[in-house]
PDB file of all heavy atoms in Angstrom:
ATOM      1  N   PHE A   1      16.640  50.103  -2.400  1.00  0.00           N
ATOM      2  CA  PHE A   1      16.065  48.850  -2.944  1.00  0.00           C
ATOM      3  C   PHE A   1      14.736  48.525  -2.283  1.00  0.00           C
ATOM      4  O   PHE A   1      14.559  48.678  -1.102  1.00  0.00           O
ATOM      5  CB  PHE A   1      17.041  47.628  -2.662  1.00  0.00           C
ATOM      6  CG  PHE A   1      16.477  46.262  -3.055  1.00  0.00           C
ATOM      7  CD1 PHE A   1      16.733  45.843  -4.281  1.00  0.00           C
ATOM      8  CD2 PHE A   1      15.801  45.531  -2.129  1.00  0.00           C
ATOM      9  CE1 PHE A   1      16.234  44.601  -4.664  1.00  0.00           C
ATOM     10  CE2 PHE A   1      15.272  44.266  -2.483  1.00  0.00           C
ATOM     11  CZ  PHE A   1      15.562  43.803  -3.757  1.00  0.00           C
ATOM     12  N   SER A   2      13.747  48.113  -3.068  1.00  0.00           N
ATOM     13  CA  SER A   2      12.431  47.635  -2.645  1.00  0.00           C
ATOM     14  C   SER A   2      12.051  46.519  -3.458  1.00  0.00           C
ATOM     15  O   SER A   2      12.472  46.284  -4.586  1.00  0.00           O
ATOM     16  CB  SER A   2      11.383  48.717  -2.635  1.00  0.00           C
ATOM     17  OG  SER A   2      11.114  49.110  -3.936  1.00  0.00           O
ATOM     18  N   ALA A   3      11.154  45.581  -2.913  1.00  0.00           N
ATOM     19  CA  ALA A   3      10.754  44.319  -3.611  1.00  0.00           C
ATOM     20  C   ALA A   3       9.431  43.842  -3.155  1.00  0.00           C
ATOM     21  O   ALA A   3       8.955  44.115  -2.015  1.00  0.00           O
ATOM     22  CB  ALA A   3      11.820  43.233  -3.386  1.00  0.00           C
ATOM     23  N   GLU A   4       8.704  43.139  -4.032  1.00  0.00           N
ATOM     24  CA  GLU A   4       7.481  42.469  -3.753  1.00  0.00           C
ATOM     25  C   GLU A   4       7.359  41.278  -4.580  1.00  0.00           C
ATOM     26  O   GLU A   4       7.774  41.206  -5.785  1.00  0.00           O
ATOM     27  CB  GLU A   4       6.240  43.408  -3.907  1.00  0.00           C
ATOM     28  CG  GLU A   4       5.974  43.772  -5.375  1.00  0.00           C
ATOM     29  CD  GLU A   4       4.621  44.458  -5.507  1.00  0.00           C
ATOM     30  OE1 GLU A   4       3.714  44.147  -4.749  1.00  0.00           O
ATOM     31  OE2 GLU A   4       4.504  45.360  -6.425  1.00  0.00           O
ATOM     32  N   VAL A   5       6.777  40.182  -4.037  1.00  0.00           N
ATOM     33  CA  VAL A   5       6.492  38.969  -4.752  1.00  0.00           C
ATOM     34  C   VAL A   5       5.334  39.186  -5.619  1.00  0.00           C
ATOM     35  O   VAL A   5       4.237  39.498  -5.202  1.00  0.00           O
ATOM     36  CB  VAL A   5       6.322  37.781  -3.816  1.00  0.00           C
ATOM     37  CG1 VAL A   5       5.924  36.527  -4.583  1.00  0.00           C
ATOM     38  CG2 VAL A   5       7.551  37.525  -2.916  1.00  0.00           C
ATOM     39  N   VAL A   6       5.513  38.924  -6.944  1.00  0.00           N
ATOM     40  CA  VAL A   6       4.427  39.085  -7.912  1.00  0.00           C
ATOM     41  C   VAL A   6       4.016  37.765  -8.575  1.00  0.00           C
ATOM     42  O   VAL A   6       2.978  37.807  -9.287  1.00  0.00           O
ATOM     43  CB  VAL A   6       4.830  40.103  -8.991  1.00  0.00           C
ATOM     44  CG1 VAL A   6       5.018  41.531  -8.376  1.00  0.00           C
ATOM     45  CG2 VAL A   6       6.069  39.725  -9.743  1.00  0.00           C
ATOM     46  N   GLY A   7       4.686  36.738  -8.323  1.00  0.00           N
ATOM     47  CA  GLY A   7       4.420  35.427  -8.886  1.00  0.00           C
ATOM     48  C   GLY A   7       4.866  34.382  -7.967  1.00  0.00           C
ATOM     49  O   GLY A   7       5.947  34.416  -7.471  1.00  0.00           O
ATOM     50  N   PHE A   8       4.071  33.372  -7.805  1.00  0.00           N
ATOM     51  CA  PHE A   8       4.554  32.225  -6.936  1.00  0.00           C
ATOM     52  C   PHE A   8       3.735  30.941  -7.071  1.00  0.00           C
ATOM     53  O   PHE A   8       2.536  30.998  -7.510  1.00  0.00           O
ATOM     54  CB  PHE A   8       4.301  32.674  -5.414  1.00  0.00           C
ATOM     55  CG  PHE A   8       2.871  32.797  -5.016  1.00  0.00           C
ATOM     56  CD1 PHE A   8       2.267  31.661  -4.397  1.00  0.00           C
ATOM     57  CD2 PHE A   8       2.010  33.815  -5.304  1.00  0.00           C
ATOM     58  CE1 PHE A   8       0.924  31.640  -4.038  1.00  0.00           C
ATOM     59  CE2 PHE A   8       0.739  33.893  -4.965  1.00  0.00           C
ATOM     60  CZ  PHE A   8       0.152  32.766  -4.327  1.00  0.00           C
ATOM     61  N   PHE A   9       4.381  29.870  -6.790  1.00  0.00           N
ATOM     62  CA  PHE A   9       3.661  28.620  -6.436  1.00  0.00           C
ATOM     63  C   PHE A   9       4.700  27.665  -5.782  1.00  0.00           C
ATOM     64  O   PHE A   9       5.905  27.758  -6.004  1.00  0.00           O
ATOM     65  CB  PHE A   9       2.999  27.907  -7.596  1.00  0.00           C
ATOM     66  CG  PHE A   9       3.844  27.496  -8.777  1.00  0.00           C
ATOM     67  CD1 PHE A   9       4.539  26.253  -8.745  1.00  0.00           C
ATOM     68  CD2 PHE A   9       4.002  28.312  -9.903  1.00  0.00           C
ATOM     69  CE1 PHE A   9       5.338  25.948  -9.753  1.00  0.00           C
ATOM     70  CE2 PHE A   9       4.781  27.876 -10.983  1.00  0.00           C
ATOM     71  CZ  PHE A   9       5.509  26.703 -10.895  1.00  0.00           C
ATOM     72  N   ASP A  10       4.182  26.978  -4.822  1.00  0.00           N
ATOM     73  CA  ASP A  10       5.034  25.999  -4.136  1.00  0.00           C
ATOM     74  C   ASP A  10       5.255  24.749  -4.956  1.00  0.00           C
ATOM     75  O   ASP A  10       4.530  24.358  -5.864  1.00  0.00           O
ATOM     76  CB  ASP A  10       4.262  25.598  -2.729  1.00  0.00           C
ATOM     77  CG  ASP A  10       4.152  26.783  -1.805  1.00  0.00           C
ATOM     78  OD1 ASP A  10       4.981  27.782  -2.027  1.00  0.00           O
ATOM     79  OD2 ASP A  10       3.408  26.729  -0.871  1.00  0.00           O
ATOM     80  N   PRO A  11       6.433  24.073  -4.637  1.00  0.00           N
ATOM     81  CA  PRO A  11       6.725  22.843  -5.492  1.00  0.00           C
ATOM     82  C   PRO A  11       5.732  21.783  -5.377  1.00  0.00           C
ATOM     83  O   PRO A  11       5.362  21.333  -4.317  1.00  0.00           O
ATOM     84  CB  PRO A  11       8.067  22.417  -4.799  1.00  0.00           C
ATOM     85  CG  PRO A  11       8.576  23.560  -4.086  1.00  0.00           C
ATOM     86  CD  PRO A  11       7.398  24.313  -3.593  1.00  0.00           C
ATOM     87  N   PRO A  12       5.197  21.307  -6.512  1.00  0.00           N
ATOM     88  CA  PRO A  12       4.158  20.272  -6.543  1.00  0.00           C
ATOM     89  C   PRO A  12       4.852  18.850  -6.543  1.00  0.00           C
ATOM     90  O   PRO A  12       5.836  18.692  -7.294  1.00  0.00           O
ATOM     91  CB  PRO A  12       3.375  20.530  -7.736  1.00  0.00           C
ATOM     92  CG  PRO A  12       4.290  21.121  -8.714  1.00  0.00           C
ATOM     93  CD  PRO A  12       5.309  21.931  -7.876  1.00  0.00           C
ATOM     94  N   ALA A  13       4.259  17.824  -5.892  1.00  0.00           N
ATOM     95  CA  ALA A  13       4.653  16.502  -6.048  1.00  0.00           C
ATOM     96  C   ALA A  13       3.417  15.861  -6.782  1.00  0.00           C
ATOM     97  O   ALA A  13       2.311  15.906  -6.235  1.00  0.00           O
ATOM     98  CB  ALA A  13       4.871  15.833  -4.650  1.00  0.00           C
ATOM     99  N   PHE A  14       3.707  15.275  -7.986  1.00  0.00           N
ATOM    100  CA  PHE A  14       2.569  14.766  -8.726  1.00  0.00           C
ATOM    101  C   PHE A  14       2.098  13.458  -8.146  1.00  0.00           C
ATOM    102  O   PHE A  14       2.728  12.706  -7.449  1.00  0.00           O
ATOM    103  CB  PHE A  14       3.003  14.685 -10.160  1.00  0.00           C
ATOM    104  CG  PHE A  14       3.194  16.053 -10.849  1.00  0.00           C
ATOM    105  CD1 PHE A  14       4.369  16.393 -11.326  1.00  0.00           C
ATOM    106  CD2 PHE A  14       2.092  16.961 -10.861  1.00  0.00           C
ATOM    107  CE1 PHE A  14       4.556  17.632 -11.968  1.00  0.00           C
ATOM    108  CE2 PHE A  14       2.258  18.210 -11.436  1.00  0.00           C
ATOM    109  CZ  PHE A  14       3.473  18.546 -12.013  1.00  0.00           C
ATOM    110  N   ASP A  15       0.893  13.029  -8.648  1.00  0.00           N
ATOM    111  CA  ASP A  15       0.156  11.868  -8.049  1.00  0.00           C
ATOM    112  C   ASP A  15       0.966  10.613  -8.296  1.00  0.00           C
ATOM    113  O   ASP A  15       1.291  10.263  -9.471  1.00  0.00           O
ATOM    114  CB  ASP A  15      -1.223  11.786  -8.682  1.00  0.00           C
ATOM    115  CG  ASP A  15      -2.051  10.696  -8.095  1.00  0.00           C
ATOM    116  OD1 ASP A  15      -2.556  10.823  -7.001  1.00  0.00           O
ATOM    117  OD2 ASP A  15      -2.086   9.582  -8.815  1.00  0.00           O
ATOM    118  N   PRO A  16       1.351   9.836  -7.301  1.00  0.00           N
ATOM    119  CA  PRO A  16       2.191   8.637  -7.510  1.00  0.00           C
ATOM    120  C   PRO A  16       1.488   7.607  -8.302  1.00  0.00           C
ATOM    121  O   PRO A  16       2.229   6.913  -9.027  1.00  0.00           O
ATOM    122  CB  PRO A  16       2.462   8.225  -6.053  1.00  0.00           C
ATOM    123  CG  PRO A  16       1.372   8.817  -5.178  1.00  0.00           C
ATOM    124  CD  PRO A  16       1.015  10.113  -5.849  1.00  0.00           C
ATOM    125  N   VAL A  17       0.217   7.439  -8.249  1.00  0.00           N
ATOM    126  CA  VAL A  17      -0.550   6.383  -9.098  1.00  0.00           C
ATOM    127  C   VAL A  17      -0.355   6.765 -10.563  1.00  0.00           C
ATOM    128  O   VAL A  17      -0.054   5.925 -11.373  1.00  0.00           O
ATOM    129  CB  VAL A  17      -1.999   6.292  -8.688  1.00  0.00           C
ATOM    130  CG1 VAL A  17      -2.724   5.358  -9.667  1.00  0.00           C
ATOM    131  CG2 VAL A  17      -2.082   5.729  -7.256  1.00  0.00           C
ATOM    132  N   LEU A  18      -0.567   8.065 -10.865  1.00  0.00           N
ATOM    133  CA  LEU A  18      -0.502   8.538 -12.222  1.00  0.00           C
ATOM    134  C   LEU A  18       0.940   8.419 -12.773  1.00  0.00           C
ATOM    135  O   LEU A  18       1.249   8.072 -13.905  1.00  0.00           O
ATOM    136  CB  LEU A  18      -1.048   9.918 -12.447  1.00  0.00           C
ATOM    137  CG  LEU A  18      -2.569  10.094 -12.229  1.00  0.00           C
ATOM    138  CD1 LEU A  18      -2.977  11.507 -12.369  1.00  0.00           C
ATOM    139  CD2 LEU A  18      -3.326   9.231 -13.291  1.00  0.00           C
ATOM    140  N   VAL A  19       1.879   8.855 -11.852  1.00  0.00           N
ATOM    141  CA  VAL A  19       3.315   8.733 -12.229  1.00  0.00           C
ATOM    142  C   VAL A  19       3.688   7.330 -12.585  1.00  0.00           C
ATOM    143  O   VAL A  19       4.335   7.033 -13.537  1.00  0.00           O
ATOM    144  CB  VAL A  19       4.107   9.264 -11.058  1.00  0.00           C
ATOM    145  CG1 VAL A  19       5.666   8.970 -11.275  1.00  0.00           C
ATOM    146  CG2 VAL A  19       4.045  10.771 -10.904  1.00  0.00           C
ATOM    147  N   GLY A  20       3.148   6.358 -11.814  1.00  0.00           N
ATOM    148  CA  GLY A  20       3.377   5.021 -12.065  1.00  0.00           C
ATOM    149  C   GLY A  20       2.809   4.489 -13.344  1.00  0.00           C
ATOM    150  O   GLY A  20       3.531   3.749 -14.108  1.00  0.00           O
ATOM    151  N   ARG A  21       1.670   5.045 -13.721  1.00  0.00           N
ATOM    152  CA  ARG A  21       1.085   4.633 -15.043  1.00  0.00           C
ATOM    153  C   ARG A  21       1.892   5.147 -16.185  1.00  0.00           C
ATOM    154  O   ARG A  21       2.068   4.513 -17.258  1.00  0.00           O
ATOM    155  CB  ARG A  21      -0.369   5.203 -15.090  1.00  0.00           C
ATOM    156  CG  ARG A  21      -1.353   4.381 -14.264  1.00  0.00           C
ATOM    157  CD  ARG A  21      -2.740   4.988 -14.217  1.00  0.00           C
ATOM    158  NE  ARG A  21      -3.671   4.253 -13.371  1.00  0.00           N
ATOM    159  CZ  ARG A  21      -4.754   4.702 -12.867  1.00  0.00           C
ATOM    160  NH1 ARG A  21      -5.209   5.939 -13.277  1.00  0.00           N
ATOM    161  NH2 ARG A  21      -5.496   3.993 -12.055  1.00  0.00           N
ATOM    162  N   VAL A  22       2.417   6.419 -16.040  1.00  0.00           N
ATOM    163  CA  VAL A  22       3.249   6.997 -17.154  1.00  0.00           C
ATOM    164  C   VAL A  22       4.529   6.130 -17.290  1.00  0.00           C
ATOM    165  O   VAL A  22       4.910   5.814 -18.392  1.00  0.00           O
ATOM    166  CB  VAL A  22       3.538   8.447 -16.776  1.00  0.00           C
ATOM    167  CG1 VAL A  22       4.627   8.903 -17.744  1.00  0.00           C
ATOM    168  CG2 VAL A  22       2.318   9.286 -16.890  1.00  0.00           C
ATOM    169  N   ARG A  23       5.114   5.845 -16.168  1.00  0.00           N
ATOM    170  CA  ARG A  23       6.352   5.048 -16.186  1.00  0.00           C
ATOM    171  C   ARG A  23       6.168   3.699 -16.867  1.00  0.00           C
ATOM    172  O   ARG A  23       6.951   3.241 -17.687  1.00  0.00           O
ATOM    173  CB  ARG A  23       6.956   4.893 -14.755  1.00  0.00           C
ATOM    174  CG  ARG A  23       8.366   4.311 -14.677  1.00  0.00           C
ATOM    175  CD  ARG A  23       8.839   4.163 -13.241  1.00  0.00           C
ATOM    176  NE  ARG A  23       9.063   5.432 -12.666  1.00  0.00           N
ATOM    177  CZ  ARG A  23       8.282   5.851 -11.563  1.00  0.00           C
ATOM    178  NH1 ARG A  23       7.374   5.101 -11.104  1.00  0.00           N
ATOM    179  NH2 ARG A  23       8.587   7.075 -11.077  1.00  0.00           N
ATOM    180  N   GLU A  24       5.040   2.997 -16.368  1.00  0.00           N
ATOM    181  CA  GLU A  24       4.780   1.696 -16.975  1.00  0.00           C
ATOM    182  C   GLU A  24       4.412   1.767 -18.465  1.00  0.00           C
ATOM    183  O   GLU A  24       4.768   0.821 -19.189  1.00  0.00           O
ATOM    184  CB  GLU A  24       3.599   1.054 -16.131  1.00  0.00           C
ATOM    185  CG  GLU A  24       3.999   0.745 -14.772  1.00  0.00           C
ATOM    186  CD  GLU A  24       2.743   0.537 -13.791  1.00  0.00           C
ATOM    187  OE1 GLU A  24       1.589   0.597 -14.338  1.00  0.00           O
ATOM    188  OE2 GLU A  24       2.919   0.411 -12.599  1.00  0.00           O
ATOM    189  N   ALA A  25       3.743   2.871 -18.861  1.00  0.00           N
ATOM    190  CA  ALA A  25       3.335   2.980 -20.301  1.00  0.00           C
ATOM    191  C   ALA A  25       4.655   3.067 -21.077  1.00  0.00           C
ATOM    192  O   ALA A  25       4.764   2.472 -22.181  1.00  0.00           O
ATOM    193  CB  ALA A  25       2.486   4.163 -20.428  1.00  0.00           C
ATOM    194  N   ALA A  26       5.597   3.934 -20.633  1.00  0.00           N
ATOM    195  CA  ALA A  26       6.861   4.030 -21.418  1.00  0.00           C
ATOM    196  C   ALA A  26       7.627   2.776 -21.486  1.00  0.00           C
ATOM    197  O   ALA A  26       8.153   2.406 -22.558  1.00  0.00           O
ATOM    198  CB  ALA A  26       7.764   5.091 -20.714  1.00  0.00           C
ATOM    199  N   GLU A  27       7.576   1.946 -20.439  1.00  0.00           N
ATOM    200  CA  GLU A  27       8.295   0.660 -20.450  1.00  0.00           C
ATOM    201  C   GLU A  27       7.567  -0.298 -21.428  1.00  0.00           C
ATOM    202  O   GLU A  27       8.217  -0.949 -22.193  1.00  0.00           O
ATOM    203  CB  GLU A  27       8.290   0.101 -19.057  1.00  0.00           C
ATOM    204  CG  GLU A  27       9.224   0.871 -18.110  1.00  0.00           C
ATOM    205  CD  GLU A  27       9.122   0.377 -16.640  1.00  0.00           C
ATOM    206  OE1 GLU A  27       8.349  -0.605 -16.388  1.00  0.00           O
ATOM    207  OE2 GLU A  27       9.863   0.906 -15.794  1.00  0.00           O
ATOM    208  N   ARG A  28       6.186  -0.267 -21.314  1.00  0.00           N
ATOM    209  CA  ARG A  28       5.474  -1.197 -22.185  1.00  0.00           C
ATOM    210  C   ARG A  28       5.619  -0.869 -23.688  1.00  0.00           C
ATOM    211  O   ARG A  28       5.674  -1.768 -24.495  1.00  0.00           O
ATOM    212  CB  ARG A  28       3.989  -1.063 -21.794  1.00  0.00           C
ATOM    213  CG  ARG A  28       3.058  -1.995 -22.533  1.00  0.00           C
ATOM    214  CD  ARG A  28       1.717  -2.052 -21.807  1.00  0.00           C
ATOM    215  NE  ARG A  28       1.034  -0.754 -21.631  1.00  0.00           N
ATOM    216  CZ  ARG A  28       0.829  -0.170 -20.474  1.00  0.00           C
ATOM    217  NH1 ARG A  28       1.256  -0.649 -19.348  1.00  0.00           N
ATOM    218  NH2 ARG A  28       0.243   1.027 -20.446  1.00  0.00           N
ATOM    219  N   LEU A  29       5.725   0.348 -23.981  1.00  0.00           N
ATOM    220  CA  LEU A  29       5.872   0.812 -25.331  1.00  0.00           C
ATOM    221  C   LEU A  29       7.348   0.718 -25.839  1.00  0.00           C
ATOM    222  O   LEU A  29       7.657   0.952 -27.024  1.00  0.00           O
ATOM    223  CB  LEU A  29       5.425   2.248 -25.498  1.00  0.00           C
ATOM    224  CG  LEU A  29       3.848   2.408 -25.440  1.00  0.00           C
ATOM    225  CD1 LEU A  29       3.534   3.884 -24.967  1.00  0.00           C
ATOM    226  CD2 LEU A  29       3.227   2.073 -26.695  1.00  0.00           C
ATOM    227  N   GLY A  30       8.226   0.449 -24.973  1.00  0.00           N
ATOM    228  CA  GLY A  30       9.663   0.328 -25.342  1.00  0.00           C
ATOM    229  C   GLY A  30      10.370   1.588 -25.458  1.00  0.00           C
ATOM    230  O   GLY A  30      11.457   1.625 -26.129  1.00  0.00           O
ATOM    231  N   TYR A  31       9.928   2.643 -24.839  1.00  0.00           N
ATOM    232  CA  TYR A  31      10.603   3.950 -24.957  1.00  0.00           C
ATOM    233  C   TYR A  31      11.555   4.143 -23.752  1.00  0.00           C
ATOM    234  O   TYR A  31      11.262   3.818 -22.675  1.00  0.00           O
ATOM    235  CB  TYR A  31       9.598   5.101 -24.898  1.00  0.00           C
ATOM    236  CG  TYR A  31       8.791   5.236 -26.178  1.00  0.00           C
ATOM    237  CD1 TYR A  31       7.340   5.229 -26.101  1.00  0.00           C
ATOM    238  CD2 TYR A  31       9.360   5.287 -27.448  1.00  0.00           C
ATOM    239  CE1 TYR A  31       6.577   5.354 -27.220  1.00  0.00           C
ATOM    240  CE2 TYR A  31       8.524   5.408 -28.572  1.00  0.00           C
ATOM    241  CZ  TYR A  31       7.171   5.410 -28.485  1.00  0.00           C
ATOM    242  OH  TYR A  31       6.434   5.494 -29.585  1.00  0.00           O
ATOM    243  N   SER A  32      12.745   4.542 -24.057  1.00  0.00           N
ATOM    244  CA  SER A  32      13.724   4.919 -23.004  1.00  0.00           C
ATOM    245  C   SER A  32      13.212   6.068 -22.200  1.00  0.00           C
ATOM    246  O   SER A  32      12.661   6.983 -22.814  1.00  0.00           O
ATOM    247  CB  SER A  32      15.122   5.237 -23.641  1.00  0.00           C
ATOM    248  OG  SER A  32      15.003   6.330 -24.571  1.00  0.00           O
ATOM    249  N   HIS A  33      13.351   5.980 -20.830  1.00  0.00           N
ATOM    250  CA  HIS A  33      12.690   7.016 -20.102  1.00  0.00           C
ATOM    251  C   HIS A  33      13.504   7.188 -18.752  1.00  0.00           C
ATOM    252  O   HIS A  33      14.356   6.364 -18.367  1.00  0.00           O
ATOM    253  CB  HIS A  33      11.273   6.602 -19.737  1.00  0.00           C
ATOM    254  CG  HIS A  33      11.166   5.319 -18.998  1.00  0.00           C
ATOM    255  ND1 HIS A  33      11.163   5.178 -17.630  1.00  0.00           N
ATOM    256  CD2 HIS A  33      11.099   4.008 -19.431  1.00  0.00           C
ATOM    257  CE1 HIS A  33      11.089   3.965 -17.244  1.00  0.00           C
ATOM    258  NE2 HIS A  33      11.069   3.210 -18.344  1.00  0.00           N
ATOM    259  N   MET A  34      13.211   8.286 -18.083  1.00  0.00           N
ATOM    260  CA  MET A  34      13.826   8.600 -16.832  1.00  0.00           C
ATOM    261  C   MET A  34      12.889   9.415 -16.024  1.00  0.00           C
ATOM    262  O   MET A  34      12.069  10.152 -16.548  1.00  0.00           O
ATOM    263  CB  MET A  34      15.172   9.241 -16.968  1.00  0.00           C
ATOM    264  CG  MET A  34      15.090  10.627 -17.633  1.00  0.00           C
ATOM    265  SD  MET A  34      16.707  11.407 -17.817  1.00  0.00           S
ATOM    266  CE  MET A  34      17.118  11.824 -16.137  1.00  0.00           C
ATOM    267  N   ASP A  35      13.045   9.369 -14.701  1.00  0.00           N
ATOM    268  CA  ASP A  35      12.285  10.308 -13.796  1.00  0.00           C
ATOM    269  C   ASP A  35      12.933  11.600 -13.998  1.00  0.00           C
ATOM    270  O   ASP A  35      14.090  11.767 -14.025  1.00  0.00           O
ATOM    271  CB  ASP A  35      12.316   9.819 -12.357  1.00  0.00           C
ATOM    272  CG  ASP A  35      11.474   8.564 -12.099  1.00  0.00           C
ATOM    273  OD1 ASP A  35      10.811   8.106 -13.067  1.00  0.00           O
ATOM    274  OD2 ASP A  35      11.366   8.135 -10.938  1.00  0.00           O
ATOM    275  N   ILE A  36      12.104  12.684 -13.878  1.00  0.00           N
ATOM    276  CA  ILE A  36      12.652  14.086 -14.004  1.00  0.00           C
ATOM    277  C   ILE A  36      11.812  15.083 -13.271  1.00  0.00           C
ATOM    278  O   ILE A  36      10.606  14.792 -12.969  1.00  0.00           O
ATOM    279  CB  ILE A  36      12.639  14.395 -15.579  1.00  0.00           C
ATOM    280  CG1 ILE A  36      13.530  15.692 -15.795  1.00  0.00           C
ATOM    281  CG2 ILE A  36      11.254  14.599 -16.139  1.00  0.00           C
ATOM    282  CD1 ILE A  36      13.747  15.892 -17.263  1.00  0.00           C
ATOM    283  N   ILE A  37      12.458  16.110 -12.825  1.00  0.00           N
ATOM    284  CA  ILE A  37      11.689  17.243 -12.165  1.00  0.00           C
ATOM    285  C   ILE A  37      11.562  18.367 -13.209  1.00  0.00           C
ATOM    286  O   ILE A  37      12.515  18.692 -13.894  1.00  0.00           O
ATOM    287  CB  ILE A  37      12.548  17.769 -11.026  1.00  0.00           C
ATOM    288  CG1 ILE A  37      12.597  16.660  -9.862  1.00  0.00           C
ATOM    289  CG2 ILE A  37      11.940  19.003 -10.402  1.00  0.00           C
ATOM    290  CD1 ILE A  37      13.575  16.940  -8.831  1.00  0.00           C
ATOM    291  N   SER A  38      10.338  18.916 -13.270  1.00  0.00           N
ATOM    292  CA  SER A  38      10.058  19.988 -14.264  1.00  0.00           C
ATOM    293  C   SER A  38      10.674  21.282 -13.718  1.00  0.00           C
ATOM    294  O   SER A  38      10.356  21.765 -12.671  1.00  0.00           O
ATOM    295  CB  SER A  38       8.607  20.181 -14.387  1.00  0.00           C
ATOM    296  OG  SER A  38       8.329  21.306 -15.231  1.00  0.00           O
ATOM    297  N   GLY A  39      11.595  21.801 -14.552  1.00  0.00           N
ATOM    298  CA  GLY A  39      12.164  23.056 -14.213  1.00  0.00           C
ATOM    299  C   GLY A  39      11.298  24.304 -14.435  1.00  0.00           C
ATOM    300  O   GLY A  39      11.397  25.316 -13.719  1.00  0.00           O
ATOM    301  N   ALA A  40      10.399  24.166 -15.430  1.00  0.00           N
ATOM    302  CA  ALA A  40       9.538  25.217 -15.689  1.00  0.00           C
ATOM    303  C   ALA A  40       8.210  25.099 -15.000  1.00  0.00           C
ATOM    304  O   ALA A  40       7.835  24.056 -14.539  1.00  0.00           O
ATOM    305  CB  ALA A  40       9.247  25.292 -17.253  1.00  0.00           C
ATOM    306  N   GLY A  41       7.444  26.235 -14.947  1.00  0.00           N
ATOM    307  CA  GLY A  41       6.114  26.183 -14.336  1.00  0.00           C
ATOM    308  C   GLY A  41       5.103  25.771 -15.441  1.00  0.00           C
ATOM    309  O   GLY A  41       5.302  26.048 -16.623  1.00  0.00           O
TER     310      GLY A  41
END
């Protein structure tokens, strides 16, 4: 068995100000929403 890493990125935490704007926009527009972690890259 042999192996090498061929793709990578560390977990990102998105900008809290922008996250807040997205959350507030969903509330203002009346859309049901939830916080979520992106499973895909």
